[in-house]
C-alpha atoms as a PDB file:
ATOM      1  CA  MET A   1      11.007 -19.788 -18.772  1.00  0.00           C
ATOM      2  CA  THR A   2       7.260 -20.297 -18.414  1.00  0.00           C
ATOM      3  CA  LYS A   3       5.417 -19.637 -21.641  1.00  0.00           C
ATOM      4  CA  TYR A   4       2.097 -17.855 -21.780  1.00  0.00           C
ATOM      5  CA  ALA A   5      -0.767 -18.633 -24.164  1.00  0.00           C
ATOM      6  CA  LYS A   6      -1.439 -15.413 -26.053  1.00  0.00           C
ATOM      7  CA  ILE A   7      -4.224 -14.711 -28.540  1.00  0.00           C
ATOM      8  CA  ILE A   8      -2.733 -13.488 -31.818  1.00  0.00           C
ATOM      9  CA  GLY A   9      -5.704 -13.810 -34.159  1.00  0.00           C
ATOM     10  CA  THR A  10      -9.505 -13.768 -34.073  1.00  0.00           C
ATOM     11  CA  GLY A  11     -12.211 -14.608 -36.589  1.00  0.00           C
ATOM     12  CA  SER A  12     -15.957 -15.159 -36.795  1.00  0.00           C
ATOM     13  CA  TYR A  13     -18.644 -16.091 -39.262  1.00  0.00           C
ATOM     14  CA  LEU A  14     -22.424 -15.794 -39.394  1.00  0.00           C
ATOM     15  CA  PRO A  15     -24.595 -17.570 -41.971  1.00  0.00           C
ATOM     16  CA  PRO A  16     -26.071 -15.048 -44.434  1.00  0.00           C
ATOM     17  CA  ARG A  17     -29.698 -15.602 -43.473  1.00  0.00           C
ATOM     18  CA  ARG A  18     -30.641 -12.947 -40.898  1.00  0.00           C
ATOM     19  CA  VAL A  19     -33.993 -13.499 -39.198  1.00  0.00           C
ATOM     20  CA  THR A  20     -35.529 -10.481 -37.459  1.00  0.00           C
ATOM     21  CA  ASN A  21     -38.000 -10.707 -34.598  1.00  0.00           C
ATOM     22  CA  GLN A  22     -40.724  -9.448 -36.890  1.00  0.00           C
ATOM     23  CA  GLU A  23     -40.036 -12.178 -39.460  1.00  0.00           C
ATOM     24  CA  LEU A  24     -39.912 -14.866 -36.786  1.00  0.00           C
ATOM     25  CA  ALA A  25     -43.122 -13.620 -35.160  1.00  0.00           C
ATOM     26  CA  ALA A  26     -44.885 -13.854 -38.536  1.00  0.00           C
ATOM     27  CA  GLN A  27     -43.636 -17.424 -39.041  1.00  0.00           C
ATOM     28  CA  LEU A  28     -44.779 -18.455 -35.570  1.00  0.00           C
ATOM     29  CA  ALA A  29     -48.186 -16.813 -36.064  1.00  0.00           C
ATOM     30  CA  GLU A  30     -48.783 -19.230 -38.941  1.00  0.00           C
ATOM     31  CA  LYS A  31     -48.360 -22.045 -36.402  1.00  0.00           C
ATOM     32  CA  GLY A  32     -50.712 -20.380 -33.916  1.00  0.00           C
ATOM     33  CA  ILE A  33     -47.858 -19.206 -31.641  1.00  0.00           C
ATOM     34  CA  GLU A  34     -48.148 -15.605 -30.508  1.00  0.00           C
ATOM     35  CA  THR A  35     -45.081 -13.429 -29.946  1.00  0.00           C
ATOM     36  CA  SER A  36     -43.775  -9.998 -30.980  1.00  0.00           C
ATOM     37  CA  ASP A  37     -40.621  -7.955 -31.365  1.00  0.00           C
ATOM     38  CA  GLU A  38     -41.421  -6.107 -28.139  1.00  0.00           C
ATOM     39  CA  TRP A  39     -41.969  -9.362 -26.206  1.00  0.00           C
ATOM     40  CA  ILE A  40     -38.650 -10.821 -27.361  1.00  0.00           C
ATOM     41  CA  VAL A  41     -36.577  -7.648 -26.896  1.00  0.00           C
ATOM     42  CA  THR A  42     -38.001  -6.944 -23.429  1.00  0.00           C
ATOM     43  CA  ARG A  43     -37.162 -10.424 -22.145  1.00  0.00           C
ATOM     44  CA  SER A  44     -33.830 -11.047 -23.873  1.00  0.00           C
ATOM     45  CA  GLY A  45     -32.480  -8.000 -25.695  1.00  0.00           C
ATOM     46  CA  ILE A  46     -32.489  -9.974 -28.955  1.00  0.00           C
ATOM     47  CA  SER A  47     -33.613  -8.247 -32.168  1.00  0.00           C
ATOM     48  CA  ALA A  48     -32.313 -10.724 -34.757  1.00  0.00           C
ATOM     49  CA  ARG A  49     -30.405 -13.944 -35.213  1.00  0.00           C
ATOM     50  CA  HIS A  50     -28.732 -15.801 -38.090  1.00  0.00           C
ATOM     51  CA  TRP A  51     -29.763 -19.305 -39.152  1.00  0.00           C
ATOM     52  CA  ALA A  52     -27.789 -21.669 -41.330  1.00  0.00           C
ATOM     53  CA  GLU A  53     -29.285 -23.266 -44.426  1.00  0.00           C
ATOM     54  CA  PRO A  54     -30.228 -26.968 -44.053  1.00  0.00           C
ATOM     55  CA  ASP A  55     -27.103 -28.237 -45.833  1.00  0.00           C
ATOM     56  CA  VAL A  56     -24.680 -26.104 -43.774  1.00  0.00           C
ATOM     57  CA  THR A  57     -23.039 -27.797 -40.785  1.00  0.00           C
ATOM     58  CA  ALA A  58     -21.235 -26.674 -37.657  1.00  0.00           C
ATOM     59  CA  SER A  59     -17.910 -27.615 -39.251  1.00  0.00           C
ATOM     60  CA  ASP A  60     -18.711 -25.450 -42.299  1.00  0.00           C
ATOM     61  CA  LEU A  61     -19.260 -22.413 -40.071  1.00  0.00           C
ATOM     62  CA  ALA A  62     -16.170 -23.272 -38.016  1.00  0.00           C
ATOM     63  CA  VAL A  63     -13.916 -23.391 -41.071  1.00  0.00           C
ATOM     64  CA  LYS A  64     -14.971 -19.887 -42.143  1.00  0.00           C
ATOM     65  CA  ALA A  65     -14.217 -18.447 -38.699  1.00  0.00           C
ATOM     66  CA  ALA A  66     -10.958 -20.419 -38.437  1.00  0.00           C
ATOM     67  CA  GLU A  67      -9.674 -19.181 -41.785  1.00  0.00           C
ATOM     68  CA  ARG A  68     -10.169 -15.584 -40.672  1.00  0.00           C
ATOM     69  CA  ALA A  69      -8.474 -16.189 -37.315  1.00  0.00           C
ATOM     70  CA  ILE A  70      -5.457 -17.911 -38.902  1.00  0.00           C
ATOM     71  CA  GLU A  71      -5.135 -15.096 -41.436  1.00  0.00           C
ATOM     72  CA  ALA A  72      -5.300 -12.485 -38.665  1.00  0.00           C
ATOM     73  CA  ALA A  73      -2.626 -14.395 -36.738  1.00  0.00           C
ATOM     74  CA  GLY A  74      -0.298 -14.294 -39.730  1.00  0.00           C
ATOM     75  CA  LEU A  75       0.313 -18.031 -39.593  1.00  0.00           C
ATOM     76  CA  ASP A  76       0.302 -20.771 -42.174  1.00  0.00           C
ATOM     77  CA  ARG A  77      -2.392 -23.396 -41.618  1.00  0.00           C
ATOM     78  CA  GLN A  78       0.288 -26.036 -41.158  1.00  0.00           C
ATOM     79  CA  ASP A  79       1.607 -24.074 -38.141  1.00  0.00           C
ATOM     80  CA  ILE A  80      -1.473 -25.172 -36.157  1.00  0.00           C
ATOM     81  CA  ASP A  81      -0.612 -28.165 -33.970  1.00  0.00           C
ATOM     82  CA  LEU A  82      -3.844 -28.485 -31.966  1.00  0.00           C
ATOM     83  CA  ILE A  83      -7.505 -27.821 -32.780  1.00  0.00           C
ATOM     84  CA  ILE A  84     -10.169 -27.652 -30.071  1.00  0.00           C
ATOM     85  CA  VAL A  85     -13.778 -27.198 -31.170  1.00  0.00           C
ATOM     86  CA  ALA A  86     -16.456 -26.298 -28.629  1.00  0.00           C
ATOM     87  CA  THR A  87     -19.892 -27.342 -29.881  1.00  0.00           C
ATOM     88  CA  SER A  88     -23.160 -28.911 -28.777  1.00  0.00           C
ATOM     89  CA  THR A  89     -24.335 -29.370 -32.349  1.00  0.00           C
ATOM     90  CA  PRO A  90     -21.660 -31.567 -33.977  1.00  0.00           C
ATOM     91  CA  ASP A  91     -21.926 -32.713 -37.578  1.00  0.00           C
ATOM     92  CA  PHE A  92     -21.917 -36.381 -36.546  1.00  0.00           C
ATOM     93  CA  VAL A  93     -21.984 -38.587 -33.459  1.00  0.00           C
ATOM     94  CA  PHE A  94     -18.383 -39.232 -34.515  1.00  0.00           C
ATOM     95  CA  PRO A  95     -15.816 -38.386 -35.809  1.00  0.00           C
ATOM     96  CA  SER A  96     -15.369 -35.151 -33.920  1.00  0.00           C
ATOM     97  CA  THR A  97     -16.216 -31.843 -35.549  1.00  0.00           C
ATOM     98  CA  ALA A  98     -12.608 -30.841 -34.832  1.00  0.00           C
ATOM     99  CA  CYS A  99     -11.333 -33.625 -37.094  1.00  0.00           C
ATOM    100  CA  LEU A 100     -13.743 -32.554 -39.823  1.00  0.00           C
ATOM    101  CA  VAL A 101     -12.506 -28.978 -39.492  1.00  0.00           C
ATOM    102  CA  GLN A 102      -8.896 -30.161 -39.657  1.00  0.00           C
ATOM    103  CA  ASN A 103      -9.631 -31.990 -42.893  1.00  0.00           C
ATOM    104  CA  LYS A 104     -11.512 -29.079 -44.471  1.00  0.00           C
ATOM    105  CA  LEU A 105      -8.666 -26.720 -43.568  1.00  0.00           C
ATOM    106  CA  GLY A 106      -6.176 -29.106 -45.147  1.00  0.00           C
ATOM    107  CA  ILE A 107      -4.005 -29.294 -42.025  1.00  0.00           C
ATOM    108  CA  THR A 108      -1.912 -32.394 -42.608  1.00  0.00           C
ATOM    109  CA  ASN A 109       0.983 -31.924 -40.193  1.00  0.00           C
ATOM    110  CA  ASN A 110       1.338 -33.507 -36.748  1.00  0.00           C
ATOM    111  CA  CYS A 111      -1.842 -31.892 -35.380  1.00  0.00           C
ATOM    112  CA  ALA A 112      -4.222 -33.196 -32.718  1.00  0.00           C
ATOM    113  CA  ALA A 113      -7.931 -32.364 -32.779  1.00  0.00           C
ATOM    114  CA  PHE A 114     -10.845 -32.938 -30.400  1.00  0.00           C
ATOM    115  CA  ASP A 115     -14.235 -31.532 -29.395  1.00  0.00           C
ATOM    116  CA  MET A 116     -15.168 -29.875 -26.106  1.00  0.00           C
ATOM    117  CA  GLN A 117     -18.747 -30.271 -24.816  1.00  0.00           C
ATOM    118  CA  ALA A 118     -19.767 -27.775 -22.142  1.00  0.00           C
ATOM    119  CA  VAL A 119     -22.657 -26.178 -24.055  1.00  0.00           C
ATOM    120  CA  CYS A 120     -22.616 -22.365 -23.657  1.00  0.00           C
ATOM    121  CA  SER A 121     -19.510 -22.518 -21.442  1.00  0.00           C
ATOM    122  CA  GLY A 122     -17.727 -24.535 -24.118  1.00  0.00           C
ATOM    123  CA  PHE A 123     -15.502 -21.787 -25.498  1.00  0.00           C
ATOM    124  CA  VAL A 124     -14.291 -20.771 -22.033  1.00  0.00           C
ATOM    125  CA  TYR A 125     -13.574 -24.415 -21.213  1.00  0.00           C
ATOM    126  CA  ALA A 126     -11.748 -24.842 -24.535  1.00  0.00           C
ATOM    127  CA  LEU A 127      -9.703 -21.667 -24.049  1.00  0.00           C
ATOM    128  CA  ALA A 128      -8.665 -22.744 -20.550  1.00  0.00           C
ATOM    129  CA  THR A 129      -7.712 -26.175 -21.906  1.00  0.00           C
ATOM    130  CA  ALA A 130      -5.648 -24.668 -24.739  1.00  0.00           C
ATOM    131  CA  ASP A 131      -3.816 -22.551 -22.178  1.00  0.00           C
ATOM    132  CA  LYS A 132      -2.814 -25.672 -20.260  1.00  0.00           C
ATOM    133  CA  PHE A 133      -1.526 -27.408 -23.409  1.00  0.00           C
ATOM    134  CA  ILE A 134       0.631 -24.429 -24.349  1.00  0.00           C
ATOM    135  CA  ARG A 135       1.954 -23.894 -20.825  1.00  0.00           C
ATOM    136  CA  SER A 136       2.913 -27.564 -20.638  1.00  0.00           C
ATOM    137  CA  GLY A 137       5.162 -27.094 -23.646  1.00  0.00           C
ATOM    138  CA  SER A 138       3.475 -29.848 -25.667  1.00  0.00           C
ATOM    139  CA  HIS A 139       1.881 -27.505 -28.241  1.00  0.00           C
ATOM    140  CA  ARG A 140       2.714 -24.111 -29.663  1.00  0.00           C
ATOM    141  CA  ASN A 141      -0.123 -22.867 -31.908  1.00  0.00           C
ATOM    142  CA  VAL A 142      -3.669 -23.801 -30.902  1.00  0.00           C
ATOM    143  CA  LEU A 143      -6.830 -23.067 -32.880  1.00  0.00           C
ATOM    144  CA  VAL A 144      -9.866 -22.767 -30.584  1.00  0.00           C
ATOM    145  CA  ILE A 145     -13.312 -22.573 -32.173  1.00  0.00           C
ATOM    146  CA  GLY A 146     -16.854 -22.231 -30.892  1.00  0.00           C
ATOM    147  CA  THR A 147     -19.430 -23.231 -33.512  1.00  0.00           C
ATOM    148  CA  GLU A 148     -23.141 -23.975 -33.348  1.00  0.00           C
ATOM    149  CA  VAL A 149     -26.239 -24.625 -35.457  1.00  0.00           C
ATOM    150  CA  PHE A 150     -28.694 -24.372 -32.571  1.00  0.00           C
ATOM    151  CA  SER A 151     -31.567 -23.692 -34.958  1.00  0.00           C
ATOM    152  CA  ARG A 152     -31.621 -27.474 -35.507  1.00  0.00           C
ATOM    153  CA  LEU A 153     -32.547 -28.078 -31.854  1.00  0.00           C
ATOM    154  CA  LEU A 154     -35.446 -25.651 -31.540  1.00  0.00           C
ATOM    155  CA  ASP A 155     -39.068 -26.550 -30.894  1.00  0.00           C
ATOM    156  CA  PHE A 156     -41.043 -23.970 -32.858  1.00  0.00           C
ATOM    157  CA  THR A 157     -44.113 -24.551 -30.723  1.00  0.00           C
ATOM    158  CA  ASP A 158     -42.247 -23.228 -27.661  1.00  0.00           C
ATOM    159  CA  ARG A 159     -41.947 -19.466 -27.939  1.00  0.00           C
ATOM    160  CA  THR A 160     -39.886 -19.242 -24.729  1.00  0.00           C
ATOM    161  CA  THR A 161     -36.918 -20.943 -26.407  1.00  0.00           C
ATOM    162  CA  CYS A 162     -37.253 -20.806 -30.200  1.00  0.00           C
ATOM    163  CA  VAL A 163     -36.857 -17.009 -30.296  1.00  0.00           C
ATOM    164  CA  LEU A 164     -33.579 -16.995 -28.378  1.00  0.00           C
ATOM    165  CA  PHE A 165     -31.037 -18.995 -30.353  1.00  0.00           C
ATOM    166  CA  GLY A 166     -28.984 -18.472 -33.478  1.00  0.00           C
ATOM    167  CA  ASP A 167     -26.183 -20.079 -35.486  1.00  0.00           C
ATOM    168  CA  GLY A 168     -22.602 -18.953 -35.984  1.00  0.00           C
ATOM    169  CA  ALA A 169     -18.941 -19.542 -35.237  1.00  0.00           C
ATOM    170  CA  GLY A 170     -16.038 -17.720 -33.643  1.00  0.00           C
ATOM    171  CA  ALA A 171     -12.374 -18.645 -33.420  1.00  0.00           C
ATOM    172  CA  VAL A 172      -9.069 -17.575 -31.921  1.00  0.00           C
ATOM    173  CA  VAL A 173      -5.467 -18.629 -32.454  1.00  0.00           C
ATOM    174  CA  LEU A 174      -3.256 -18.849 -29.386  1.00  0.00           C
ATOM    175  CA  THR A 175       0.516 -19.116 -29.490  1.00  0.00           C
ATOM    176  CA  ALA A 176       3.277 -19.703 -26.957  1.00  0.00           C
ATOM    177  CA  SER A 177       4.609 -16.309 -25.895  1.00  0.00           C
ATOM    178  CA  ASP A 178       7.002 -14.780 -23.380  1.00  0.00           C
ATOM    179  CA  GLU A 179       4.478 -11.970 -22.924  1.00  0.00           C
ATOM    180  CA  PRO A 180       1.468 -12.444 -20.619  1.00  0.00           C
ATOM    181  CA  GLY A 181      -1.640 -13.668 -22.436  1.00  0.00           C
ATOM    182  CA  ILE A 182      -4.129 -15.801 -20.535  1.00  0.00           C
ATOM    183  CA  LEU A 183      -3.643 -14.722 -16.935  1.00  0.00           C
ATOM    184  CA  SER A 184      -6.056 -17.069 -15.184  1.00  0.00           C
ATOM    185  CA  SER A 185      -9.011 -19.369 -15.674  1.00  0.00           C
ATOM    186  CA  ALA A 186     -11.660 -21.044 -13.542  1.00  0.00           C
ATOM    187  CA  MET A 187     -14.146 -23.777 -14.465  1.00  0.00           C
ATOM    188  CA  HIS A 188     -16.991 -25.399 -12.529  1.00  0.00           C
ATOM    189  CA  SER A 189     -19.984 -27.664 -13.049  1.00  0.00           C
ATOM    190  CA  ASP A 190     -22.903 -29.031 -11.053  1.00  0.00           C
ATOM    191  CA  GLY A 191     -24.720 -31.986 -12.602  1.00  0.00           C
ATOM    192  CA  SER A 192     -27.581 -31.716 -10.121  1.00  0.00           C
ATOM    193  CA  HIS A 193     -28.978 -28.947 -12.355  1.00  0.00           C
ATOM    194  CA  VAL A 194     -28.916 -31.063 -15.510  1.00  0.00           C
ATOM    195  CA  ASP A 195     -32.686 -30.795 -16.077  1.00  0.00           C
ATOM    196  CA  ILE A 196     -33.007 -27.000 -16.279  1.00  0.00           C
ATOM    197  CA  LEU A 197     -31.233 -26.716 -19.645  1.00  0.00           C
ATOM    198  CA  CYS A 198     -30.870 -29.789 -21.813  1.00  0.00           C
ATOM    199  CA  VAL A 199     -31.641 -31.670 -25.017  1.00  0.00           C
ATOM    200  CA  PRO A 200     -32.640 -35.040 -23.494  1.00  0.00           C
ATOM    201  CA  GLY A 201     -32.396 -37.166 -26.633  1.00  0.00           C
ATOM    202  CA  ASN A 202     -29.985 -39.623 -28.220  1.00  0.00           C
ATOM    203  CA  VAL A 203     -29.534 -41.889 -31.236  1.00  0.00           C
ATOM    204  CA  SER A 204     -30.226 -45.568 -30.685  1.00  0.00           C
ATOM    205  CA  GLY A 205     -31.086 -48.344 -33.099  1.00  0.00           C
ATOM    206  CA  GLY A 206     -31.142 -45.919 -36.001  1.00  0.00           C
ATOM    207  CA  SER A 207     -33.715 -43.562 -34.477  1.00  0.00           C
ATOM    208  CA  ILE A 208     -33.957 -40.793 -31.901  1.00  0.00           C
ATOM    209  CA  THR A 209     -34.712 -41.796 -28.328  1.00  0.00           C
ATOM    210  CA  GLY A 210     -36.016 -39.249 -25.858  1.00  0.00           C
ATOM    211  CA  ASN A 211     -36.598 -35.644 -26.912  1.00  0.00           C
ATOM    212  CA  ALA A 212     -34.272 -34.052 -29.472  1.00  0.00           C
ATOM    213  CA  PHE A 213     -35.548 -30.503 -28.823  1.00  0.00           C
ATOM    214  CA  LEU A 214     -33.996 -27.987 -26.459  1.00  0.00           C
ATOM    215  CA  HIS A 215     -35.671 -27.680 -23.059  1.00  0.00           C
ATOM    216  CA  MET A 216     -35.037 -24.757 -20.724  1.00  0.00           C
ATOM    217  CA  ASP A 217     -36.448 -23.626 -17.389  1.00  0.00           C
ATOM    218  CA  GLY A 218     -35.822 -19.943 -18.011  1.00  0.00           C
ATOM    219  CA  GLN A 219     -36.367 -18.685 -14.474  1.00  0.00           C
ATOM    220  CA  ALA A 220     -34.129 -21.333 -12.936  1.00  0.00           C
ATOM    221  CA  VAL A 221     -31.378 -20.685 -15.483  1.00  0.00           C
ATOM    222  CA  PHE A 222     -31.565 -16.925 -14.938  1.00  0.00           C
ATOM    223  CA  LYS A 223     -31.348 -17.204 -11.154  1.00  0.00           C
ATOM    224  CA  LEU A 224     -28.428 -19.626 -11.198  1.00  0.00           C
ATOM    225  CA  ALA A 225     -26.541 -17.856 -13.985  1.00  0.00           C
ATOM    226  CA  VAL A 226     -26.365 -14.471 -12.273  1.00  0.00           C
ATOM    227  CA  THR A 227     -25.047 -16.063  -9.082  1.00  0.00           C
ATOM    228  CA  VAL A 228     -22.389 -18.355 -10.545  1.00  0.00           C
ATOM    229  CA  LEU A 229     -21.124 -15.864 -13.143  1.00  0.00           C
ATOM    230  CA  ASP A 230     -20.369 -13.310 -10.444  1.00  0.00           C
ATOM    231  CA  LYS A 231     -18.532 -15.890  -8.329  1.00  0.00           C
ATOM    232  CA  VAL A 232     -16.444 -17.352 -11.157  1.00  0.00           C
ATOM    233  CA  ALA A 233     -15.532 -13.907 -12.502  1.00  0.00           C
ATOM    234  CA  ARG A 234     -14.261 -12.871  -9.079  1.00  0.00           C
ATOM    235  CA  GLU A 235     -12.397 -16.169  -8.776  1.00  0.00           C
ATOM    236  CA  ALA A 236     -10.552 -15.625 -12.069  1.00  0.00           C
ATOM    237  CA  ILE A 237      -9.755 -12.011 -11.153  1.00  0.00           C
ATOM    238  CA  ALA A 238      -8.411 -13.059  -7.736  1.00  0.00           C
ATOM    239  CA  LEU A 239      -6.260 -15.806  -9.282  1.00  0.00           C
ATOM    240  CA  ALA A 240      -4.624 -13.138 -11.432  1.00  0.00           C
ATOM    241  CA  GLU A 241      -4.120 -10.987  -8.318  1.00  0.00           C
ATOM    242  CA  MET A 242      -6.139  -8.168  -9.836  1.00  0.00           C
ATOM    243  CA  GLN A 243      -9.206  -6.116  -8.940  1.00  0.00           C
ATOM    244  CA  PRO A 244     -12.445  -5.798 -10.964  1.00  0.00           C
ATOM    245  CA  GLU A 245     -11.757  -2.130 -11.716  1.00  0.00           C
ATOM    246  CA  GLN A 246      -8.616  -3.164 -13.615  1.00  0.00           C
ATOM    247  CA  ILE A 247     -10.698  -4.986 -16.228  1.00  0.00           C
ATOM    248  CA  ASP A 248     -10.949  -3.066 -19.499  1.00  0.00           C
ATOM    249  CA  TRP A 249     -13.586  -5.249 -21.155  1.00  0.00           C
ATOM    250  CA  VAL A 250     -16.044  -7.945 -20.152  1.00  0.00           C
ATOM    251  CA  VAL A 251     -17.065 -10.330 -22.937  1.00  0.00           C
ATOM    252  CA  PRO A 252     -19.866 -12.433 -21.440  1.00  0.00           C
ATOM    253  CA  HIS A 253     -21.801 -15.291 -22.961  1.00  0.00           C
ATOM    254  CA  GLN A 254     -24.413 -13.581 -25.129  1.00  0.00           C
ATOM    255  CA  ALA A 255     -27.565 -15.224 -23.788  1.00  0.00           C
ATOM    256  CA  ASN A 256     -29.730 -12.546 -22.226  1.00  0.00           C
ATOM    257  CA  ILE A 257     -28.968  -8.834 -21.897  1.00  0.00           C
ATOM    258  CA  ARG A 258     -30.383  -8.746 -18.359  1.00  0.00           C
ATOM    259  CA  ILE A 259     -28.033 -11.503 -17.188  1.00  0.00           C
ATOM    260  CA  MET A 260     -25.115  -9.799 -18.920  1.00  0.00           C
ATOM    261  CA  GLN A 261     -25.834  -6.395 -17.410  1.00  0.00           C
ATOM    262  CA  GLY A 262     -26.525  -7.932 -13.999  1.00  0.00           C
ATOM    263  CA  THR A 263     -23.156  -9.681 -13.772  1.00  0.00           C
ATOM    264  CA  THR A 264     -21.255  -6.615 -15.000  1.00  0.00           C
ATOM    265  CA  LYS A 265     -23.050  -4.465 -12.437  1.00  0.00           C
ATOM    266  CA  LYS A 266     -22.153  -6.896  -9.653  1.00  0.00           C
ATOM    267  CA  LEU A 267     -18.479  -6.410 -10.549  1.00  0.00           C
ATOM    268  CA  GLY A 268     -18.914  -2.653 -10.171  1.00  0.00           C
ATOM    269  CA  LEU A 269     -18.316  -2.045 -13.887  1.00  0.00           C
ATOM    270  CA  SER A 270     -20.375   0.086 -16.255  1.00  0.00           C
ATOM    271  CA  ASN A 271     -22.150  -1.408 -19.247  1.00  0.00           C
ATOM    272  CA  ASP A 272     -19.841   0.689 -21.430  1.00  0.00           C
ATOM    273  CA  ARG A 273     -17.116  -1.855 -20.622  1.00  0.00           C
ATOM    274  CA  MET A 274     -19.213  -4.826 -21.720  1.00  0.00           C
ATOM    275  CA  VAL A 275     -19.171  -6.168 -25.278  1.00  0.00           C
ATOM    276  CA  ALA A 276     -22.726  -7.016 -26.325  1.00  0.00           C
ATOM    277  CA  THR A 277     -23.773  -8.539 -29.654  1.00  0.00           C
ATOM    278  CA  VAL A 278     -26.779 -10.499 -28.381  1.00  0.00           C
ATOM    279  CA  HIS A 279     -29.169  -8.041 -30.079  1.00  0.00           C
ATOM    280  CA  GLU A 280     -27.871  -9.076 -33.516  1.00  0.00           C
ATOM    281  CA  HIS A 281     -26.696 -12.665 -32.966  1.00  0.00           C
ATOM    282  CA  GLY A 282     -29.061 -14.104 -30.370  1.00  0.00           C
ATOM    283  CA  ASN A 283     -27.708 -16.892 -28.182  1.00  0.00           C
ATOM    284  CA  THR A 284     -25.176 -18.834 -30.268  1.00  0.00           C
ATOM    285  CA  SER A 285     -24.093 -21.017 -27.334  1.00  0.00           C
ATOM    286  CA  ALA A 286     -20.368 -21.896 -27.540  1.00  0.00           C
ATOM    287  CA  ALA A 287     -19.938 -19.494 -30.468  1.00  0.00           C
ATOM    288  CA  SER A 288     -21.267 -16.435 -28.650  1.00  0.00           C
ATOM    289  CA  ILE A 289     -18.150 -15.335 -26.743  1.00  0.00           C
ATOM    290  CA  PRO A 290     -15.670 -15.654 -29.636  1.00  0.00           C
ATOM    291  CA  LEU A 291     -18.195 -14.003 -31.996  1.00  0.00           C
ATOM    292  CA  ALA A 292     -18.548 -10.990 -29.704  1.00  0.00           C
ATOM    293  CA  PHE A 293     -14.808 -10.942 -29.021  1.00  0.00           C
ATOM    294  CA  ASP A 294     -13.947 -10.880 -32.726  1.00  0.00           C
ATOM    295  CA  VAL A 295     -16.418  -8.063 -33.387  1.00  0.00           C
ATOM    296  CA  ALA A 296     -14.844  -5.910 -30.666  1.00  0.00           C
ATOM    297  CA  VAL A 297     -11.274  -6.694 -31.742  1.00  0.00           C
ATOM    298  CA  ARG A 298     -11.976  -5.856 -35.382  1.00  0.00           C
ATOM    299  CA  ASP A 299     -13.883  -2.641 -34.678  1.00  0.00           C
ATOM    300  CA  GLY A 300     -11.008  -1.415 -32.507  1.00  0.00           C
ATOM    301  CA  ARG A 301     -12.672  -1.411 -29.108  1.00  0.00           C
ATOM    302  CA  ILE A 302     -10.410  -4.115 -27.719  1.00  0.00           C
ATOM    303  CA  LYS A 303      -6.799  -2.999 -28.110  1.00  0.00           C
ATOM    304  CA  PRO A 304      -3.358  -4.546 -27.474  1.00  0.00           C
ATOM    305  CA  GLY A 305      -2.374  -4.405 -23.822  1.00  0.00           C
ATOM    306  CA  GLN A 306      -5.943  -4.295 -22.531  1.00  0.00           C
ATOM    307  CA  THR A 307      -7.353  -6.812 -20.070  1.00  0.00           C
ATOM    308  CA  VAL A 308     -10.401  -8.862 -21.078  1.00  0.00           C
ATOM    309  CA  LEU A 309     -12.647 -11.016 -18.899  1.00  0.00           C
ATOM    310  CA  MET A 310     -14.628 -13.755 -20.652  1.00  0.00           C
ATOM    311  CA  GLU A 311     -17.335 -15.612 -18.744  1.00  0.00           C
ATOM    312  CA  GLY A 312     -19.888 -18.221 -19.723  1.00  0.00           C
ATOM    313  CA  VAL A 313     -22.590 -20.413 -18.267  1.00  0.00           C
ATOM    314  CA  GLY A 314     -24.443 -23.295 -19.878  1.00  0.00           C
ATOM    315  CA  GLY A 315     -26.239 -26.599 -19.601  1.00  0.00           C
ATOM    316  CA  GLY A 316     -24.696 -29.209 -17.402  1.00  0.00           C
ATOM    317  CA  PHE A 317     -24.807 -26.967 -15.403  1.00  0.00           C
ATOM    318  CA  THR A 318     -21.387 -25.551 -16.372  1.00  0.00           C
ATOM    319  CA  TRP A 319     -19.728 -22.192 -15.866  1.00  0.00           C
ATOM    320  CA  GLY A 320     -16.305 -20.648 -16.197  1.00  0.00           C
ATOM    321  CA  ALA A 321     -14.214 -17.539 -16.755  1.00  0.00           C
ATOM    322  CA  VAL A 322     -10.934 -16.633 -18.429  1.00  0.00           C
ATOM    323  CA  LEU A 323      -8.954 -13.462 -17.787  1.00  0.00           C
ATOM    324  CA  LEU A 324      -6.481 -12.446 -20.476  1.00  0.00           C
ATOM    325  CA  ARG A 325      -4.291  -9.633 -21.679  1.00  0.00           C
ATOM    326  CA  MET A 326      -4.281  -8.725 -25.339  1.00  0.00           C
END
């Protein structure tokens, strides 16, 4: 009998330091950069974000979220046989952040671990990949984490990007189940758009080559995101032989409230069926979907038996969607 990959536990973690728009605007004013709470909220819907302390890494945030997800799943840590970490801000060039997380969690059994790099689409890509591993029969309990410290990539002389991003982590545990879980997934990329959202730097000869700060063409990203998110959402829904009106909740990548509302509207769904945490978390890249998902699961909005559509878009350019039943 074909096994499904079903989510049985969720978890998330935000670093304690919460930075409001007002606080950030005051910091930027000291550098001669003008912005305001109204300017940021109007353009993005973001009111605050969380930033990690300098000695806190992506793996540290990931472990906190993972512990909560494993506890919610009711599993022992040694039950996990695969760890997939989606991140664009790894602790090191190598080893993978997933291996560091495995070590910090003390998982010593026959467990594989690797990172997934698809920027803000990373969690969707990782979830779709975990589904394939479980359906193949090779793995039973998969820990999927999105974790980011994007504050390390920000140019604080560029007000169009530095006000948008935050740090955090979200995680889910999937297990092999006879009951439907992940119903469908779709993933795409187009490298011809690599320049509109990127960090064009690298490490060479012991120093940074290129530019290690985030660069974004906001208008180009906005235009492309609304188009591809609608298409990939409809693709995932069609693969599951469903209709948009059958979706109980949409959990989009938390990048910009206008993009989020635009894609939900295109599906013919009200904003009441969209989970939004962007106002409090900012754009946490690969962590944004599992963060929002965990919030809605724990506050009781998302209930067993309901259908959830997750969709993300990020640098690469990458985009994808996963449709699942709780």
